[in-house]
């Protein structure tokens, strides 16, 4: 399971700059104005062969005019609760401030591993100012410059040392893992309870339960798989924070640890922005997908075309990836809930499906001859051979061509669509590679 690292600190210490540096992206907005970061950013960091997730948080602030102040503080608290390691960023040029002391007090109570980072050490002389930060009581300060990357490699070495070592769980790797994800109150806990026929696996008050996904082995009706669930673990009375942010940060691990994700959508509210955020997480992690429209029994005004209308709306919002099953269920009446299990198992089989090279070439070579890639700069592209790459996480296919650099994305989508038309790959993403023959 991927580990989670949170970057916290007061405004304008360079959290978003460090996030961009470590993820090698420019997704987080960087500005001199305090309070720029309100929406959370998630990314992946790969260092020395180890990959972990990282989350950028808003600046911790009190008694300001910002109407988002309280929500930002709540979101920082969630990030601290959910992560494995905390990067506490301070500004060496400004020294210790009252806000730094408040954040340090919060982090000391969390009992989480903390890396104290003095940012904006842009030259050798500035590092002497880092000694002041020993008063925060969080160990040795580590000097970096997020803007130019100085010290970032050594910083990642320290973070890797503090990440919890993976314990070998007694899980059979051959069994599929299905995750039930979605925004709050979509019925995730209810449908998992309906699957298992018991409540005790899902809702618990034990401290620390909320940090990890729960694996429940399902062995009914001839099926054998693990159900990965993070929904409904924390008491409803404790969920006072920003629910949208909470649902995304809790979904990250469940999605990363699953083969197929069951995305729950509330039929009474339709598909919303938060559903799209979680869908994009599933797409980014290249997982199988089953969309489950729950609470269908609460829709009173419906006719024969209601399901088609809802299905069309969902596929339009999630385009261009539209080849996934949609099931209309009710967790309370148990309407079609076992159809969800059947469909998730079919998607998993599609995800591990292998197609013979001879069948691929028999189908594709005549098709490509009739519909070749468009010529570019007077050069004709010829694809002579097709094969599936063995032992990949999702179905991946290589098309060998004489000029692979001239095969553009529209033609790759054409090949993928033809592949899906000929073979059933519903619910699973596909990789199409063009290589030199």
Protein backbone atom coordinates (compact mmCIF):
# COMPACT_ATOMS: atom_id res chain seq x y z
CA UNK A 1 0.00 0.00 0.00
CA UNK A 2 1.33 3.43 -0.88
CA UNK A 3 2.43 5.64 1.99
CA UNK A 4 1.10 9.18 2.40
CA UNK A 5 3.21 12.26 3.23
CA UNK A 6 1.68 15.67 4.09
CA UNK A 7 3.32 19.09 3.70
CA UNK A 8 2.14 21.49 6.41
CA UNK A 9 3.13 24.95 7.65
CA UNK A 10 1.98 28.55 7.88
CA UNK A 11 1.28 30.59 4.70
CA UNK A 12 4.08 31.63 2.34
CA UNK A 13 6.78 29.24 3.51
CA UNK A 14 6.96 27.51 0.11
CA UNK A 15 4.78 24.42 0.56
CA UNK A 16 3.40 24.47 -2.99
CA UNK A 17 6.86 25.18 -4.43
CA UNK A 18 8.24 22.14 -2.59
CA UNK A 19 5.26 20.06 -3.76
CA UNK A 20 5.97 20.98 -7.37
CA UNK A 21 9.68 20.26 -6.88
CA UNK A 22 9.16 16.79 -5.39
CA UNK A 23 6.43 15.70 -7.81
CA UNK A 24 8.28 17.26 -10.79
CA UNK A 25 5.09 19.02 -11.86
CA UNK A 26 3.66 22.54 -11.86
CA UNK A 27 0.19 21.63 -10.67
CA UNK A 28 0.21 23.61 -7.42
CA UNK A 29 -0.27 27.36 -7.88
CA UNK A 30 2.63 29.38 -6.46
CA UNK A 31 2.05 33.01 -5.53
CA UNK A 32 3.39 35.52 -3.00
CA UNK A 33 -0.13 36.20 -1.73
CA UNK A 34 -0.95 34.34 1.48
CA UNK A 35 -3.81 31.85 1.24
CA UNK A 36 -3.29 30.98 -2.43
CA UNK A 37 -3.58 27.24 -1.76
CA UNK A 38 -7.12 26.32 -0.76
CA UNK A 39 -7.92 23.32 -2.93
CA UNK A 40 -5.76 20.34 -2.11
CA UNK A 41 -3.19 18.89 -4.49
CA UNK A 42 -2.17 15.24 -4.61
CA UNK A 43 0.82 13.80 -6.38
CA UNK A 44 3.20 10.87 -6.57
CA UNK A 45 6.90 10.99 -5.67
CA UNK A 46 9.33 8.35 -6.92
CA UNK A 47 12.74 8.26 -5.24
CA UNK A 48 15.30 5.44 -5.21
CA UNK A 49 12.70 3.00 -6.48
CA UNK A 50 10.19 3.84 -3.72
CA UNK A 51 6.91 5.54 -4.61
CA UNK A 52 4.69 7.39 -2.16
CA UNK A 53 1.77 9.83 -2.30
CA UNK A 54 2.16 13.44 -1.21
CA UNK A 55 -0.49 16.02 -0.33
CA UNK A 56 -0.08 19.81 -0.29
CA UNK A 57 -2.12 21.64 2.37
CA UNK A 58 -3.18 25.24 2.86
CA UNK A 59 -1.32 27.59 5.18
CA UNK A 60 -2.16 27.36 8.88
CA UNK A 61 -3.47 30.77 9.97
CA UNK A 62 -5.58 32.20 12.81
CA UNK A 63 -7.37 35.53 13.35
CA UNK A 64 -7.20 36.55 9.70
CA UNK A 65 -9.82 38.09 7.41
CA UNK A 66 -9.82 35.00 5.16
CA UNK A 67 -13.26 33.38 5.18
CA UNK A 68 -11.59 30.04 4.38
CA UNK A 69 -9.38 30.17 7.48
CA UNK A 70 -11.37 27.67 9.56
CA UNK A 71 -11.79 25.20 6.69
CA UNK A 72 -8.07 25.32 5.86
CA UNK A 73 -7.21 24.55 9.50
CA UNK A 74 -9.60 21.61 9.50
CA UNK A 75 -8.07 20.25 6.31
CA UNK A 76 -4.56 20.54 7.73
CA UNK A 77 -5.75 18.57 10.75
CA UNK A 78 -7.17 15.83 8.49
CA UNK A 79 -3.92 15.59 6.57
CA UNK A 80 -2.01 15.22 9.85
CA UNK A 81 -4.40 12.50 11.05
CA UNK A 82 -4.27 10.49 7.83
CA UNK A 83 -0.62 10.69 6.75
CA UNK A 84 2.34 8.50 7.68
CA UNK A 85 5.02 11.22 7.68
CA UNK A 86 4.67 15.02 8.08
CA UNK A 87 6.89 17.58 6.35
CA UNK A 88 6.75 20.71 8.53
CA UNK A 89 7.94 23.67 6.46
CA UNK A 90 9.28 26.86 8.05
CA UNK A 91 10.90 29.97 6.57
CA UNK A 92 14.51 30.44 7.64
CA UNK A 93 14.49 34.06 6.50
CA UNK A 94 11.61 35.04 8.82
CA UNK A 95 12.60 32.90 11.80
CA UNK A 96 10.21 31.33 14.31
CA UNK A 97 6.74 32.92 14.38
CA UNK A 98 3.72 32.42 16.63
CA UNK A 99 2.03 30.40 13.87
CA UNK A 100 5.04 28.11 13.65
CA UNK A 101 4.78 27.48 17.39
CA UNK A 102 1.07 26.65 17.07
CA UNK A 103 1.66 24.19 14.22
CA UNK A 104 4.57 22.60 16.14
CA UNK A 105 2.29 22.12 19.16
CA UNK A 106 -0.25 20.35 16.93
CA UNK A 107 2.41 18.10 15.38
CA UNK A 108 3.92 17.11 18.73
CA UNK A 109 0.48 15.90 19.85
CA UNK A 110 0.02 13.84 16.68
CA UNK A 111 2.84 11.40 17.57
CA UNK A 112 3.63 11.13 13.84
CA UNK A 113 7.16 11.19 12.37
CA UNK A 114 7.94 14.84 11.52
CA UNK A 115 10.66 16.18 9.23
CA UNK A 116 11.36 19.82 10.16
CA UNK A 117 12.34 21.63 6.94
CA UNK A 118 13.88 25.11 6.85
CA UNK A 119 13.01 26.43 3.41
CA UNK A 120 14.41 29.38 1.45
CA UNK A 121 18.01 28.56 2.38
CA UNK A 122 19.10 29.96 -0.97
CA UNK A 123 22.76 30.43 -0.02
CA UNK A 124 25.30 28.91 2.34
CA UNK A 125 25.17 31.67 4.97
CA UNK A 126 21.39 31.39 5.53
CA UNK A 127 21.70 27.89 6.97
CA UNK A 128 23.11 29.29 10.23
CA UNK A 129 19.66 30.78 10.92
CA UNK A 130 18.16 27.28 11.11
CA UNK A 131 19.48 26.79 14.67
CA UNK A 132 16.65 29.01 15.93
CA UNK A 133 14.11 26.33 15.01
CA UNK A 134 15.37 23.88 17.63
CA UNK A 135 12.98 25.67 20.02
CA UNK A 136 10.06 24.01 18.17
CA UNK A 137 11.00 20.71 19.82
CA UNK A 138 10.81 18.68 16.61
CA UNK A 139 14.42 17.60 16.23
CA UNK A 140 17.08 18.73 13.82
CA UNK A 141 15.98 21.27 11.19
CA UNK A 142 16.82 20.27 7.61
CA UNK A 143 17.83 23.05 5.20
CA UNK A 144 16.50 23.13 1.63
CA UNK A 145 15.69 25.61 -1.10
CA UNK A 146 12.47 24.55 -2.84
CA UNK A 147 12.88 27.19 -5.52
CA UNK A 148 16.20 25.84 -6.83
CA UNK A 149 16.07 22.26 -5.54
CA UNK A 150 19.01 22.50 -3.15
CA UNK A 151 18.87 19.71 -0.57
CA UNK A 152 15.75 18.06 -2.02
CA UNK A 153 17.49 14.75 -2.71
CA UNK A 154 18.86 14.44 0.83
CA UNK A 155 15.42 15.44 2.14
CA UNK A 156 13.78 12.56 0.28
CA UNK A 157 16.36 10.16 1.73
CA UNK A 158 15.30 11.24 5.23
CA UNK A 159 11.59 10.91 4.38
CA UNK A 160 12.14 7.36 3.09
CA UNK A 161 13.85 6.45 6.36
CA UNK A 162 10.84 7.67 8.34
CA UNK A 163 8.20 5.95 6.18
CA UNK A 164 6.79 2.87 7.90
CA UNK A 165 8.27 -0.36 6.65
CA UNK A 166 5.77 -2.47 4.80
CA UNK A 167 4.67 -5.42 6.86
CA UNK A 168 3.93 -8.54 4.93
CA UNK A 169 0.20 -9.01 5.32
CA UNK A 170 -1.26 -12.46 5.26
CA UNK A 171 -3.01 -11.75 1.99
CA UNK A 172 -3.00 -13.99 -1.03
CA UNK A 173 -1.66 -11.92 -3.91
CA UNK A 174 -3.61 -14.00 -6.42
CA UNK A 175 -6.98 -12.86 -5.05
CA UNK A 176 -8.58 -9.75 -6.58
CA UNK A 177 -9.15 -6.67 -4.44
CA UNK A 178 -12.26 -4.52 -4.85
CA UNK A 179 -12.56 -1.05 -3.29
CA UNK A 180 -15.84 0.71 -2.55
CA UNK A 181 -15.21 4.46 -2.95
CA UNK A 182 -17.27 7.60 -3.33
CA UNK A 183 -18.20 10.81 -1.62
CA UNK A 184 -19.82 10.84 1.83
CA UNK A 185 -23.39 9.59 2.25
CA UNK A 186 -23.47 7.81 -1.11
CA UNK A 187 -24.16 4.49 0.64
CA UNK A 188 -20.69 2.93 0.69
CA UNK A 189 -20.95 1.52 4.20
CA UNK A 190 -24.48 0.30 3.59
CA UNK A 191 -23.60 -1.66 0.48
CA UNK A 192 -20.51 -3.21 2.11
CA UNK A 193 -22.67 -4.27 5.06
CA UNK A 194 -25.17 -5.73 2.59
CA UNK A 195 -22.39 -7.67 0.84
CA UNK A 196 -21.07 -9.13 4.08
CA UNK A 197 -24.37 -9.53 5.92
CA UNK A 198 -22.60 -8.10 9.01
CA UNK A 199 -21.86 -4.61 10.35
CA UNK A 200 -18.88 -5.29 12.60
CA UNK A 201 -16.29 -5.37 9.79
CA UNK A 202 -16.94 -1.83 8.71
CA UNK A 203 -17.70 0.52 11.60
CA UNK A 204 -15.33 0.47 14.56
CA UNK A 205 -14.26 2.90 17.29
CA UNK A 206 -10.78 1.41 17.75
CA UNK A 207 -8.09 4.10 17.62
CA UNK A 208 -5.96 3.94 14.50
CA UNK A 209 -8.52 2.07 12.42
CA UNK A 210 -9.10 5.10 10.25
CA UNK A 211 -5.50 5.15 9.01
CA UNK A 212 -5.51 1.99 6.90
CA UNK A 213 -7.80 0.24 4.50
CA UNK A 214 -9.57 -2.79 5.91
CA UNK A 215 -9.28 -6.02 3.94
CA UNK A 216 -12.28 -8.29 4.39
CA UNK A 217 -12.21 -11.62 2.62
CA UNK A 218 -15.45 -12.42 0.81
CA UNK A 219 -16.04 -16.13 0.22
CA UNK A 220 -19.75 -16.43 -0.50
CA UNK A 221 -21.61 -17.81 -3.54
CA UNK A 222 -18.45 -19.26 -5.08
CA UNK A 223 -16.54 -15.95 -5.04
CA UNK A 224 -13.23 -15.36 -3.31
CA UNK A 225 -11.81 -11.85 -3.15
CA UNK A 226 -10.78 -9.08 -0.76
CA UNK A 227 -13.07 -6.14 -0.12
CA UNK A 228 -11.04 -2.99 0.52
CA UNK A 229 -13.05 -0.44 2.44
CA UNK A 230 -12.25 2.87 4.11
CA UNK A 231 -15.84 4.19 4.24
CA UNK A 232 -17.78 4.65 7.45
CA UNK A 233 -14.89 3.69 9.74
CA UNK A 234 -14.93 6.94 11.68
CA UNK A 235 -17.97 7.89 13.74
CA UNK A 236 -20.34 10.28 11.99
CA UNK A 237 -20.15 12.58 14.99
CA UNK A 238 -16.43 13.02 14.41
CA UNK A 239 -16.74 13.91 10.75
CA UNK A 240 -17.06 17.65 11.22
CA UNK A 241 -14.38 18.61 8.70
CA UNK A 242 -14.64 19.48 5.05
CA UNK A 243 -16.37 16.36 3.71
CA UNK A 244 -15.17 16.73 0.13
CA UNK A 245 -11.53 16.90 1.12
CA UNK A 246 -12.05 14.12 3.65
CA UNK A 247 -13.54 11.77 1.07
CA UNK A 248 -10.70 12.31 -1.40
CA UNK A 249 -7.86 11.88 1.06
CA UNK A 250 -9.49 8.73 2.43
CA UNK A 251 -10.05 7.38 -1.09
CA UNK A 252 -6.40 7.66 -2.17
CA UNK A 253 -5.22 4.59 -0.32
CA UNK A 254 -8.29 2.48 -1.02
CA UNK A 255 -7.91 3.15 -4.76
CA UNK A 256 -4.16 2.53 -4.81
CA UNK A 257 -4.60 -0.80 -3.04
CA UNK A 258 -7.40 -2.14 -5.27
CA UNK A 259 -7.69 -3.91 -8.61
CA UNK A 260 -11.24 -2.76 -9.30
CA UNK A 261 -12.99 0.30 -7.81
CA UNK A 262 -16.75 0.42 -7.24
CA UNK A 263 -17.61 4.12 -7.49
CA UNK A 264 -20.79 4.86 -5.54
CA UNK A 265 -23.02 7.69 -6.84
CA UNK A 266 -26.07 8.99 -4.98
CA UNK A 267 -29.05 8.74 -7.37
CA UNK A 268 -30.91 11.45 -5.49
CA UNK A 269 -28.14 13.98 -6.14
CA UNK A 270 -26.77 12.84 -9.49
CA UNK A 271 -23.13 13.01 -10.48
CA UNK A 272 -21.34 15.89 -8.79
CA UNK A 273 -17.89 17.47 -8.86
CA UNK A 274 -16.69 15.30 -6.01
CA UNK A 275 -17.66 12.14 -7.89
CA UNK A 276 -15.54 13.41 -10.78
CA UNK A 277 -12.58 14.03 -8.47
CA UNK A 278 -12.67 10.43 -7.26
CA UNK A 279 -13.21 9.16 -10.82
CA UNK A 280 -10.06 11.05 -11.89
CA UNK A 281 -8.15 9.41 -9.03
CA UNK A 282 -9.25 6.01 -10.33
CA UNK A 283 -8.17 6.95 -13.86
CA UNK A 284 -4.83 8.34 -12.69
CA UNK A 285 -4.07 5.08 -10.85
CA UNK A 286 -5.22 2.99 -13.86
CA UNK A 287 -7.73 0.86 -11.97
CA UNK A 288 -10.77 -1.06 -13.14
CA UNK A 289 -14.10 0.73 -12.70
CA UNK A 290 -17.70 -0.19 -11.93
CA UNK A 291 -20.12 2.71 -11.42
CA UNK A 292 -22.87 1.94 -8.92
CA UNK A 293 -25.84 4.34 -8.81
CA UNK A 294 -27.18 3.78 -5.30
CA UNK A 295 -30.50 4.79 -3.67
CA UNK A 296 -32.35 4.11 -6.91
CA UNK A 297 -35.40 3.10 -4.84
CA UNK A 298 -35.73 6.71 -3.63
CA UNK A 299 -36.33 8.00 -7.16
CA UNK A 300 -40.13 8.11 -7.26
CA UNK A 301 -40.68 9.74 -10.64
CA UNK A 302 -39.07 7.33 -13.05
CA UNK A 303 -40.07 5.48 -16.19
CA UNK A 304 -38.55 3.07 -18.68
CA UNK A 305 -36.14 5.75 -19.92
CA UNK A 306 -34.93 7.00 -16.53
CA UNK A 307 -31.99 4.60 -16.35
CA UNK A 308 -30.97 5.42 -19.92
CA UNK A 309 -31.08 9.15 -19.19
CA UNK A 310 -28.98 8.80 -16.04
CA UNK A 311 -26.55 6.45 -17.76
CA UNK A 312 -26.07 8.87 -20.65
CA UNK A 313 -25.43 11.78 -18.25
CA UNK A 314 -22.78 9.77 -16.37
CA UNK A 315 -20.95 8.70 -19.53
CA UNK A 316 -20.97 12.25 -20.90
CA UNK A 317 -19.42 13.60 -17.69
CA UNK A 318 -16.75 10.90 -17.60
CA UNK A 319 -15.85 11.03 -21.30
CA UNK A 320 -13.61 10.15 -23.09
CA UNK A 321 -13.46 6.92 -21.02
CA UNK A 322 -16.97 5.52 -21.48
CA UNK A 323 -16.47 1.75 -21.63
CA UNK A 324 -17.48 0.85 -18.08
CA UNK A 325 -20.55 -0.87 -16.57
CA UNK A 326 -23.21 1.12 -14.71
CA UNK A 327 -25.50 -0.63 -12.21
CA UNK A 328 -28.55 0.86 -10.48
CA UNK A 329 -28.87 -0.45 -6.95
CA UNK A 330 -30.40 0.07 -3.54
CA UNK A 331 -28.32 -0.97 -0.55
CA UNK A 332 -31.30 -0.81 1.83
CA UNK A 333 -33.58 -3.07 -0.25
CA UNK A 334 -30.57 -5.08 -1.56
CA UNK A 335 -31.77 -4.50 -5.10
CA UNK A 336 -29.12 -5.74 -7.58
CA UNK A 337 -26.30 -5.53 -5.01
CA UNK A 338 -24.94 -8.95 -5.98
CA UNK A 339 -24.95 -7.83 -9.60
CA UNK A 340 -22.27 -5.37 -8.44
CA UNK A 341 -20.07 -8.26 -7.26
CA UNK A 342 -20.62 -10.20 -10.48
CA UNK A 343 -19.76 -7.17 -12.60
CA UNK A 344 -16.68 -6.29 -10.54
CA UNK A 345 -15.41 -9.84 -11.03
CA UNK A 346 -16.01 -9.56 -14.79
CA UNK A 347 -14.05 -6.28 -14.88
CA UNK A 348 -11.21 -7.95 -12.98
CA UNK A 349 -11.16 -10.78 -15.54
CA UNK A 350 -11.04 -8.18 -18.32
CA UNK A 351 -8.14 -6.51 -16.53
CA UNK A 352 -6.06 -9.69 -16.54
CA UNK A 353 -7.27 -10.91 -19.95
CA UNK A 354 -4.62 -12.05 -22.44
CA UNK A 355 -5.19 -12.25 -26.20
CA UNK A 356 -3.15 -14.46 -28.50
CA UNK A 357 -0.75 -12.64 -30.82
CA UNK A 358 -2.05 -14.53 -33.84
CA UNK A 359 -5.64 -13.36 -33.18
CA UNK A 360 -4.50 -9.78 -32.71
CA UNK A 361 -2.67 -9.77 -36.03
CA UNK A 362 -5.52 -11.53 -37.86
CA UNK A 363 -7.86 -8.78 -36.74
CA UNK A 364 -5.70 -5.67 -36.85
CA UNK A 365 -3.48 -6.04 -39.92
CA UNK A 366 -6.35 -6.05 -42.48
CA UNK A 367 -8.06 -3.25 -40.52
CA UNK A 368 -4.92 -1.10 -40.50
CA UNK A 369 -4.38 -1.75 -44.20
CA UNK A 370 -7.88 -0.41 -44.95
CA UNK A 371 -7.61 2.46 -42.44
CA UNK A 372 -3.90 3.34 -42.17
CA UNK A 373 -2.52 6.19 -40.07
CA UNK A 374 -2.60 9.49 -41.96
CA UNK A 375 0.63 10.30 -43.77
CA UNK A 376 2.71 13.15 -42.38
CA UNK A 377 5.21 15.20 -44.40
CA UNK A 378 4.75 12.86 -47.33
CA UNK A 379 5.79 9.81 -45.29
CA UNK A 380 3.56 6.76 -45.08
CA UNK A 381 3.28 4.91 -41.78
CA UNK A 382 3.12 1.14 -41.91
CA UNK A 383 2.18 -1.03 -38.93
CA UNK A 384 3.35 -4.60 -39.47
CA UNK A 385 2.92 -6.42 -36.18
CA UNK A 386 0.80 -6.35 -33.01
CA UNK A 387 1.30 -8.08 -29.68
CA UNK A 388 0.13 -7.84 -26.07
CA UNK A 389 2.74 -7.20 -23.40
CA UNK A 390 2.67 -10.03 -20.84
CA UNK A 391 2.50 -9.53 -17.06
CA UNK A 392 1.24 -5.93 -16.98
CA UNK A 393 -1.12 -4.32 -14.46
CA UNK A 394 -3.62 -3.44 -17.20
CA UNK A 395 -3.94 -4.75 -20.79
CA UNK A 396 -1.10 -3.20 -22.81
CA UNK A 397 -0.53 -3.61 -26.54
CA UNK A 398 2.43 -2.77 -28.79
CA UNK A 399 1.97 -1.84 -32.43
CA UNK A 400 5.28 -2.02 -34.33
CA UNK A 401 5.58 0.65 -37.02
CA UNK A 402 8.28 2.04 -39.28
CA UNK A 403 7.69 5.64 -38.11
CA UNK A 404 6.19 5.43 -34.59
CA UNK A 405 6.81 9.11 -33.83
CA UNK A 406 4.23 10.12 -36.45
CA UNK A 407 1.36 8.07 -34.98
CA UNK A 408 -0.72 10.59 -33.04
CA UNK A 409 -3.22 10.18 -30.18
CA UNK A 410 -6.37 10.23 -32.36
CA UNK A 411 -5.19 7.13 -34.23
CA UNK A 412 -4.24 5.44 -30.94
CA UNK A 413 -7.81 6.05 -29.73
CA UNK A 414 -9.07 4.57 -33.00
CA UNK A 415 -7.03 1.40 -32.37
CA UNK A 416 -8.24 1.21 -28.77
CA UNK A 417 -11.89 1.59 -29.80
CA UNK A 418 -11.55 -1.18 -32.38
CA UNK A 419 -9.88 -3.37 -29.78
CA UNK A 420 -12.77 -2.80 -27.37
CA UNK A 421 -15.30 -3.50 -30.14
CA UNK A 422 -13.72 -6.88 -30.89
CA UNK A 423 -12.90 -8.01 -27.34
CA UNK A 424 -14.62 -7.27 -24.05
CA UNK A 425 -12.45 -4.90 -21.99
CA UNK A 426 -15.33 -3.12 -20.25
CA UNK A 427 -14.33 -1.26 -17.11
CA UNK A 428 -10.56 -1.53 -17.54
CA UNK A 429 -8.16 1.03 -19.02
CA UNK A 430 -5.91 -0.01 -21.91
CA UNK A 431 -2.41 1.07 -22.88
CA UNK A 432 -1.55 1.45 -26.58
CA UNK A 433 2.14 1.79 -27.45
CA UNK A 434 3.65 2.44 -30.87
CA UNK A 435 7.22 1.21 -31.19
CA UNK A 436 9.93 0.97 -33.84
CA UNK A 437 9.62 -2.33 -35.66
